[in-house]
Amino acid sequence: MALQYAVAVNNAKLDAIETTVGASAKCMLYSGAVPANCAAAATGTLLANLVLPADWLAGAASGSKAKAGAWTGTGAAAGTIGYFRITDTVGTAVGMQGTCGIGTGDMQFDNTNLTVGQAITISTFTINAANT
């Protein structure tokens, strides 16, 4: 049998993500495939570097945690978004990473083809207890 956690434990695990990564994190969007793990060097081209709000995730509830505030930015390079990395405010310590896509992926977009200067808005992003 797989381990099971109470909702309060799952919520605490989810809330620890923002605490560990820190306030005013960055969401970096890259072309290409996701690196093997968060400690591996980034691959592909950095297409955009979004500075997230100081409190970038809402408090966990019912085993789920959603983005808070506006996650916006501008395309710095042209290319197709393949993955994201959320890092500390300096951009060096990767706290999480995942795939990007249209209708699929850990972070979804309405258009993954970026151009230089293109406005970017991440309208929804949710982490569930099953992902932790």
N, C-alpha and C. Protein backbone atom coordinates (compact mmCIF):
# COMPACT_ATOMS: atom_id res chain seq x y z
N MET A 1 0.84 -1.18 0.00
CA MET A 1 0.00 0.00 0.00
C MET A 1 0.88 1.24 0.00
N ALA A 2 0.51 2.22 -0.78
CA ALA A 2 1.25 3.48 -0.84
C ALA A 2 0.95 4.29 0.42
N LEU A 3 1.90 5.11 0.82
CA LEU A 3 1.68 5.99 1.96
C LEU A 3 0.53 6.94 1.68
N GLN A 4 -0.21 7.25 2.70
CA GLN A 4 -1.29 8.21 2.59
C GLN A 4 -1.07 9.30 3.62
N TYR A 5 -1.41 10.53 3.27
CA TYR A 5 -1.23 11.67 4.15
C TYR A 5 -2.56 12.36 4.41
N ALA A 6 -2.72 12.91 5.58
CA ALA A 6 -3.88 13.72 5.89
C ALA A 6 -3.82 15.00 5.07
N VAL A 7 -4.97 15.61 4.83
CA VAL A 7 -5.03 16.87 4.07
C VAL A 7 -4.14 17.92 4.71
N ALA A 8 -4.12 18.00 6.03
CA ALA A 8 -3.30 19.00 6.72
C ALA A 8 -1.81 18.77 6.43
N VAL A 9 -1.38 17.52 6.35
CA VAL A 9 0.02 17.21 6.03
C VAL A 9 0.32 17.60 4.58
N ASN A 10 -0.58 17.25 3.66
CA ASN A 10 -0.38 17.63 2.25
C ASN A 10 -0.32 19.15 2.10
N ASN A 11 -1.19 19.86 2.80
CA ASN A 11 -1.17 21.33 2.72
C ASN A 11 0.16 21.88 3.24
N ALA A 12 0.67 21.33 4.33
CA ALA A 12 1.94 21.79 4.89
C ALA A 12 3.09 21.52 3.91
N LYS A 13 3.06 20.36 3.27
CA LYS A 13 4.09 20.05 2.27
C LYS A 13 4.05 21.06 1.12
N LEU A 14 2.85 21.36 0.66
CA LEU A 14 2.70 22.33 -0.43
C LEU A 14 3.15 23.73 -0.02
N ASP A 15 2.77 24.15 1.19
CA ASP A 15 3.16 25.48 1.66
C ASP A 15 4.67 25.60 1.83
N ALA A 16 5.35 24.49 2.08
CA ALA A 16 6.81 24.51 2.25
C ALA A 16 7.52 24.87 0.94
N ILE A 17 6.87 24.67 -0.19
CA ILE A 17 7.50 24.99 -1.48
C ILE A 17 7.83 26.47 -1.56
N GLU A 18 6.84 27.32 -1.31
CA GLU A 18 7.07 28.76 -1.40
C GLU A 18 8.04 29.23 -0.31
N THR A 19 7.93 28.67 0.86
CA THR A 19 8.84 29.03 1.95
C THR A 19 10.28 28.70 1.58
N THR A 20 10.49 27.54 0.98
CA THR A 20 11.84 27.09 0.62
C THR A 20 12.42 27.88 -0.55
N VAL A 21 11.63 28.09 -1.59
CA VAL A 21 12.12 28.84 -2.76
C VAL A 21 12.32 30.30 -2.40
N GLY A 22 11.40 30.87 -1.62
CA GLY A 22 11.53 32.24 -1.17
C GLY A 22 10.59 33.21 -1.86
N ALA A 23 10.52 34.40 -1.30
CA ALA A 23 9.67 35.46 -1.85
C ALA A 23 10.27 36.00 -3.14
N SER A 24 9.42 36.58 -3.98
CA SER A 24 9.83 37.19 -5.24
C SER A 24 10.67 36.25 -6.09
N ALA A 25 10.18 35.04 -6.23
CA ALA A 25 10.87 34.04 -7.06
C ALA A 25 10.81 34.45 -8.52
N LYS A 26 11.52 33.72 -9.35
CA LYS A 26 11.50 33.94 -10.79
C LYS A 26 10.95 32.71 -11.48
N CYS A 27 10.24 32.92 -12.58
CA CYS A 27 9.77 31.84 -13.43
C CYS A 27 10.48 32.00 -14.77
N MET A 28 11.41 31.10 -15.03
CA MET A 28 12.19 31.17 -16.26
C MET A 28 11.64 30.17 -17.27
N LEU A 29 11.39 30.65 -18.48
CA LEU A 29 10.84 29.83 -19.55
C LEU A 29 11.93 29.54 -20.57
N TYR A 30 12.11 28.25 -20.88
CA TYR A 30 13.18 27.81 -21.78
C TYR A 30 12.62 27.02 -22.96
N SER A 31 13.38 26.99 -24.03
CA SER A 31 13.09 26.09 -25.14
C SER A 31 13.71 24.73 -24.81
N GLY A 32 13.27 23.71 -25.50
CA GLY A 32 13.90 22.40 -25.36
C GLY A 32 13.28 21.53 -24.28
N ALA A 33 14.04 20.48 -23.93
CA ALA A 33 13.56 19.47 -22.98
C ALA A 33 13.97 19.82 -21.56
N VAL A 34 13.17 19.39 -20.61
CA VAL A 34 13.43 19.61 -19.19
C VAL A 34 14.73 18.90 -18.80
N PRO A 35 15.63 19.56 -18.06
CA PRO A 35 16.83 18.89 -17.56
C PRO A 35 16.47 17.69 -16.67
N ALA A 36 17.41 16.81 -16.44
CA ALA A 36 17.17 15.58 -15.68
C ALA A 36 16.64 15.83 -14.28
N ASN A 37 17.07 16.91 -13.65
CA ASN A 37 16.60 17.25 -12.30
C ASN A 37 16.88 18.73 -12.05
N CYS A 38 16.40 19.22 -10.91
CA CYS A 38 16.55 20.66 -10.61
C CYS A 38 18.01 21.08 -10.41
N ALA A 39 18.88 20.15 -10.06
CA ALA A 39 20.29 20.48 -9.84
C ALA A 39 21.08 20.53 -11.15
N ALA A 40 20.53 19.97 -12.22
CA ALA A 40 21.23 19.95 -13.51
C ALA A 40 21.18 21.35 -14.15
N ALA A 41 22.16 21.62 -15.00
CA ALA A 41 22.21 22.90 -15.70
C ALA A 41 21.02 23.03 -16.64
N ALA A 42 20.57 24.26 -16.82
CA ALA A 42 19.48 24.53 -17.76
C ALA A 42 19.92 24.16 -19.17
N THR A 43 18.96 23.73 -19.98
CA THR A 43 19.22 23.41 -21.38
C THR A 43 18.39 24.35 -22.24
N GLY A 44 18.68 24.40 -23.51
CA GLY A 44 17.91 25.23 -24.42
C GLY A 44 18.22 26.70 -24.25
N THR A 45 17.34 27.53 -24.77
CA THR A 45 17.48 28.99 -24.73
C THR A 45 16.53 29.58 -23.71
N LEU A 46 17.02 30.51 -22.90
CA LEU A 46 16.15 31.24 -21.98
C LEU A 46 15.30 32.20 -22.81
N LEU A 47 14.00 31.94 -22.84
CA LEU A 47 13.09 32.75 -23.66
C LEU A 47 12.48 33.91 -22.90
N ALA A 48 12.28 33.73 -21.59
CA ALA A 48 11.69 34.79 -20.77
C ALA A 48 12.03 34.54 -19.31
N ASN A 49 12.14 35.63 -18.56
CA ASN A 49 12.46 35.57 -17.14
C ASN A 49 11.43 36.43 -16.41
N LEU A 50 10.42 35.79 -15.85
CA LEU A 50 9.34 36.51 -15.18
C LEU A 50 9.65 36.65 -13.69
N VAL A 51 9.55 37.86 -13.17
CA VAL A 51 9.71 38.10 -11.73
C VAL A 51 8.33 37.94 -11.11
N LEU A 52 8.20 36.98 -10.22
CA LEU A 52 6.90 36.69 -9.62
C LEU A 52 6.64 37.62 -8.44
N PRO A 53 5.37 37.76 -8.05
CA PRO A 53 5.05 38.62 -6.91
C PRO A 53 5.74 38.12 -5.64
N ALA A 54 5.86 38.98 -4.65
CA ALA A 54 6.50 38.61 -3.39
C ALA A 54 5.84 37.39 -2.76
N ASP A 55 4.52 37.31 -2.84
CA ASP A 55 3.77 36.15 -2.36
C ASP A 55 3.19 35.50 -3.61
N TRP A 56 3.93 34.58 -4.21
CA TRP A 56 3.60 34.07 -5.53
C TRP A 56 2.69 32.85 -5.55
N LEU A 57 2.44 32.24 -4.39
CA LEU A 57 1.50 31.12 -4.31
C LEU A 57 0.50 31.37 -3.19
N ALA A 58 -0.75 31.04 -3.45
CA ALA A 58 -1.78 31.14 -2.42
C ALA A 58 -1.56 30.04 -1.39
N GLY A 59 -2.13 30.20 -0.22
CA GLY A 59 -2.04 29.17 0.80
C GLY A 59 -2.69 27.89 0.32
N ALA A 60 -2.10 26.77 0.69
CA ALA A 60 -2.64 25.47 0.28
C ALA A 60 -3.98 25.21 0.97
N ALA A 61 -4.88 24.59 0.23
CA ALA A 61 -6.18 24.21 0.76
C ALA A 61 -6.64 22.95 0.04
N SER A 62 -7.15 22.01 0.78
CA SER A 62 -7.67 20.75 0.21
C SER A 62 -6.64 20.04 -0.66
N GLY A 63 -5.36 20.13 -0.28
CA GLY A 63 -4.30 19.44 -1.01
C GLY A 63 -3.95 20.06 -2.34
N SER A 64 -4.20 21.36 -2.50
CA SER A 64 -3.92 22.06 -3.75
C SER A 64 -3.40 23.46 -3.44
N LYS A 65 -2.54 23.98 -4.31
CA LYS A 65 -1.93 25.30 -4.11
C LYS A 65 -1.85 25.96 -5.48
N ALA A 66 -2.43 27.15 -5.60
CA ALA A 66 -2.49 27.85 -6.88
C ALA A 66 -1.63 29.10 -6.87
N LYS A 67 -1.32 29.59 -8.05
CA LYS A 67 -0.55 30.83 -8.18
C LYS A 67 -1.32 31.98 -7.55
N ALA A 68 -0.58 32.97 -7.10
CA ALA A 68 -1.18 34.18 -6.54
C ALA A 68 -0.60 35.37 -7.26
N GLY A 69 -1.39 36.39 -7.44
CA GLY A 69 -0.90 37.60 -8.09
C GLY A 69 -0.69 37.41 -9.58
N ALA A 70 -0.15 38.45 -10.20
CA ALA A 70 0.08 38.45 -11.65
C ALA A 70 1.44 37.84 -11.98
N TRP A 71 1.43 36.85 -12.83
CA TRP A 71 2.67 36.24 -13.35
C TRP A 71 2.79 36.71 -14.80
N THR A 72 3.51 37.80 -15.01
CA THR A 72 3.62 38.40 -16.34
C THR A 72 5.07 38.71 -16.67
N GLY A 73 5.32 38.86 -17.93
CA GLY A 73 6.65 39.22 -18.39
C GLY A 73 6.64 39.47 -19.88
N THR A 74 7.84 39.53 -20.44
CA THR A 74 8.02 39.83 -21.86
C THR A 74 9.04 38.86 -22.45
N GLY A 75 8.77 38.40 -23.65
CA GLY A 75 9.70 37.51 -24.33
C GLY A 75 11.04 38.18 -24.55
N ALA A 76 12.13 37.49 -24.16
CA ALA A 76 13.48 38.03 -24.33
C ALA A 76 14.15 37.43 -25.57
N ALA A 77 13.65 36.29 -26.01
CA ALA A 77 14.20 35.61 -27.19
C ALA A 77 13.05 34.91 -27.90
N ALA A 78 13.22 34.63 -29.18
CA ALA A 78 12.21 33.92 -29.94
C ALA A 78 12.43 32.42 -29.84
N GLY A 79 11.33 31.68 -29.72
CA GLY A 79 11.42 30.23 -29.66
C GLY A 79 10.16 29.62 -29.11
N THR A 80 10.16 28.30 -28.99
CA THR A 80 9.01 27.55 -28.47
C THR A 80 9.29 27.15 -27.04
N ILE A 81 8.38 27.51 -26.14
CA ILE A 81 8.54 27.18 -24.72
C ILE A 81 8.43 25.67 -24.54
N GLY A 82 9.45 25.09 -23.92
CA GLY A 82 9.44 23.65 -23.66
C GLY A 82 9.30 23.31 -22.19
N TYR A 83 9.89 24.17 -21.34
CA TYR A 83 9.82 23.91 -19.90
C TYR A 83 10.01 25.20 -19.12
N PHE A 84 9.68 25.10 -17.82
CA PHE A 84 9.85 26.23 -16.92
C PHE A 84 10.72 25.80 -15.74
N ARG A 85 11.32 26.79 -15.12
CA ARG A 85 12.02 26.60 -13.85
C ARG A 85 11.62 27.75 -12.94
N ILE A 86 11.24 27.42 -11.71
CA ILE A 86 10.98 28.46 -10.72
C ILE A 86 12.17 28.46 -9.78
N THR A 87 12.78 29.64 -9.66
CA THR A 87 14.03 29.76 -8.91
C THR A 87 13.88 30.79 -7.79
N ASP A 88 14.92 30.88 -6.98
CA ASP A 88 14.97 31.93 -5.96
C ASP A 88 15.04 33.29 -6.64
N THR A 89 14.99 34.35 -5.87
CA THR A 89 14.97 35.70 -6.42
C THR A 89 16.21 36.05 -7.23
N VAL A 90 17.34 35.38 -6.94
CA VAL A 90 18.58 35.63 -7.68
C VAL A 90 18.58 34.88 -9.01
N GLY A 91 17.82 33.79 -9.08
CA GLY A 91 17.76 33.00 -10.31
C GLY A 91 18.75 31.86 -10.34
N THR A 92 19.35 31.52 -9.20
CA THR A 92 20.37 30.48 -9.20
C THR A 92 19.91 29.15 -8.60
N ALA A 93 19.11 29.18 -7.57
CA ALA A 93 18.66 27.94 -6.92
C ALA A 93 17.29 27.55 -7.48
N VAL A 94 17.25 26.43 -8.18
CA VAL A 94 16.01 25.96 -8.80
C VAL A 94 15.19 25.21 -7.76
N GLY A 95 13.96 25.67 -7.54
CA GLY A 95 13.08 25.03 -6.58
C GLY A 95 12.15 24.02 -7.22
N MET A 96 11.77 24.25 -8.47
CA MET A 96 10.92 23.31 -9.19
C MET A 96 11.06 23.57 -10.69
N GLN A 97 10.75 22.55 -11.45
CA GLN A 97 10.75 22.67 -12.90
C GLN A 97 9.70 21.73 -13.45
N GLY A 98 9.29 21.98 -14.68
CA GLY A 98 8.30 21.11 -15.31
C GLY A 98 8.10 21.46 -16.77
N THR A 99 7.25 20.70 -17.41
CA THR A 99 7.00 20.88 -18.83
C THR A 99 5.99 21.99 -19.08
N CYS A 100 6.01 22.50 -20.30
CA CYS A 100 5.06 23.51 -20.74
C CYS A 100 4.41 23.03 -22.03
N GLY A 101 3.18 23.44 -22.25
CA GLY A 101 2.52 23.05 -23.48
C GLY A 101 1.19 23.74 -23.65
N ILE A 102 0.51 23.37 -24.71
CA ILE A 102 -0.85 23.84 -24.99
C ILE A 102 -1.77 22.66 -24.73
N GLY A 103 -2.55 22.73 -23.67
CA GLY A 103 -3.44 21.64 -23.32
C GLY A 103 -2.77 20.48 -22.61
N THR A 104 -1.46 20.53 -22.49
CA THR A 104 -0.71 19.49 -21.78
C THR A 104 0.41 20.17 -21.01
N GLY A 105 1.07 19.43 -20.17
CA GLY A 105 2.22 19.96 -19.45
C GLY A 105 1.86 20.43 -18.06
N ASP A 106 2.90 20.65 -17.27
CA ASP A 106 2.73 21.11 -15.90
C ASP A 106 2.31 22.57 -15.83
N MET A 107 2.72 23.35 -16.82
CA MET A 107 2.31 24.75 -16.94
C MET A 107 1.79 24.92 -18.37
N GLN A 108 0.56 25.37 -18.49
CA GLN A 108 -0.05 25.45 -19.81
C GLN A 108 -0.17 26.88 -20.31
N PHE A 109 -0.02 27.02 -21.62
CA PHE A 109 -0.08 28.32 -22.28
C PHE A 109 -1.09 28.25 -23.41
N ASP A 110 -1.58 29.40 -23.85
CA ASP A 110 -2.43 29.42 -25.03
C ASP A 110 -1.60 29.51 -26.30
N ASN A 111 -0.32 29.88 -26.14
CA ASN A 111 0.60 29.98 -27.27
C ASN A 111 2.01 29.77 -26.73
N THR A 112 2.68 28.73 -27.18
CA THR A 112 4.04 28.46 -26.70
C THR A 112 5.12 29.04 -27.60
N ASN A 113 4.73 29.67 -28.71
CA ASN A 113 5.70 30.26 -29.62
C ASN A 113 5.91 31.72 -29.27
N LEU A 114 7.05 32.03 -28.68
CA LEU A 114 7.35 33.39 -28.23
C LEU A 114 8.15 34.16 -29.26
N THR A 115 7.94 35.47 -29.26
CA THR A 115 8.76 36.38 -30.03
C THR A 115 9.36 37.40 -29.07
N VAL A 116 10.40 38.05 -29.48
CA VAL A 116 11.03 39.08 -28.65
C VAL A 116 10.02 40.20 -28.42
N GLY A 117 9.86 40.59 -27.16
CA GLY A 117 8.95 41.67 -26.81
C GLY A 117 7.51 41.25 -26.62
N GLN A 118 7.19 39.99 -26.89
CA GLN A 118 5.81 39.51 -26.73
C GLN A 118 5.42 39.47 -25.26
N ALA A 119 4.23 39.97 -24.95
CA ALA A 119 3.71 39.93 -23.58
C ALA A 119 3.35 38.49 -23.21
N ILE A 120 3.69 38.12 -21.97
CA ILE A 120 3.42 36.78 -21.47
C ILE A 120 2.60 36.92 -20.19
N THR A 121 1.52 36.16 -20.10
CA THR A 121 0.72 36.10 -18.88
C THR A 121 0.44 34.63 -18.58
N ILE A 122 0.83 34.20 -17.39
CA ILE A 122 0.49 32.86 -16.94
C ILE A 122 -0.77 33.03 -16.10
N SER A 123 -1.88 32.58 -16.66
CA SER A 123 -3.16 32.85 -15.99
C SER A 123 -3.49 31.82 -14.91
N THR A 124 -3.07 30.59 -15.08
CA THR A 124 -3.33 29.58 -14.04
C THR A 124 -2.10 28.69 -13.87
N PHE A 125 -1.87 28.30 -12.64
CA PHE A 125 -0.81 27.35 -12.30
C PHE A 125 -1.18 26.76 -10.94
N THR A 126 -1.34 25.46 -10.87
CA THR A 126 -1.75 24.81 -9.64
C THR A 126 -0.87 23.60 -9.38
N ILE A 127 -0.49 23.43 -8.14
CA ILE A 127 0.26 22.26 -7.71
C ILE A 127 -0.68 21.45 -6.81
N ASN A 128 -0.75 20.17 -7.05
CA ASN A 128 -1.58 19.30 -6.22
C ASN A 128 -0.71 18.43 -5.34
N ALA A 129 -1.27 17.97 -4.24
CA ALA A 129 -0.53 17.14 -3.29
C ALA A 129 0.08 15.91 -3.96
N ALA A 130 -0.55 15.41 -4.99
CA ALA A 130 -0.01 14.24 -5.71
C ALA A 130 1.32 14.56 -6.38
N ASN A 131 1.61 15.85 -6.62
CA ASN A 131 2.87 16.25 -7.25
C ASN A 131 4.01 16.41 -6.26
N THR A 132 3.73 16.41 -4.95
CA THR A 132 4.78 16.67 -3.97
C THR A 132 5.40 15.41 -3.46
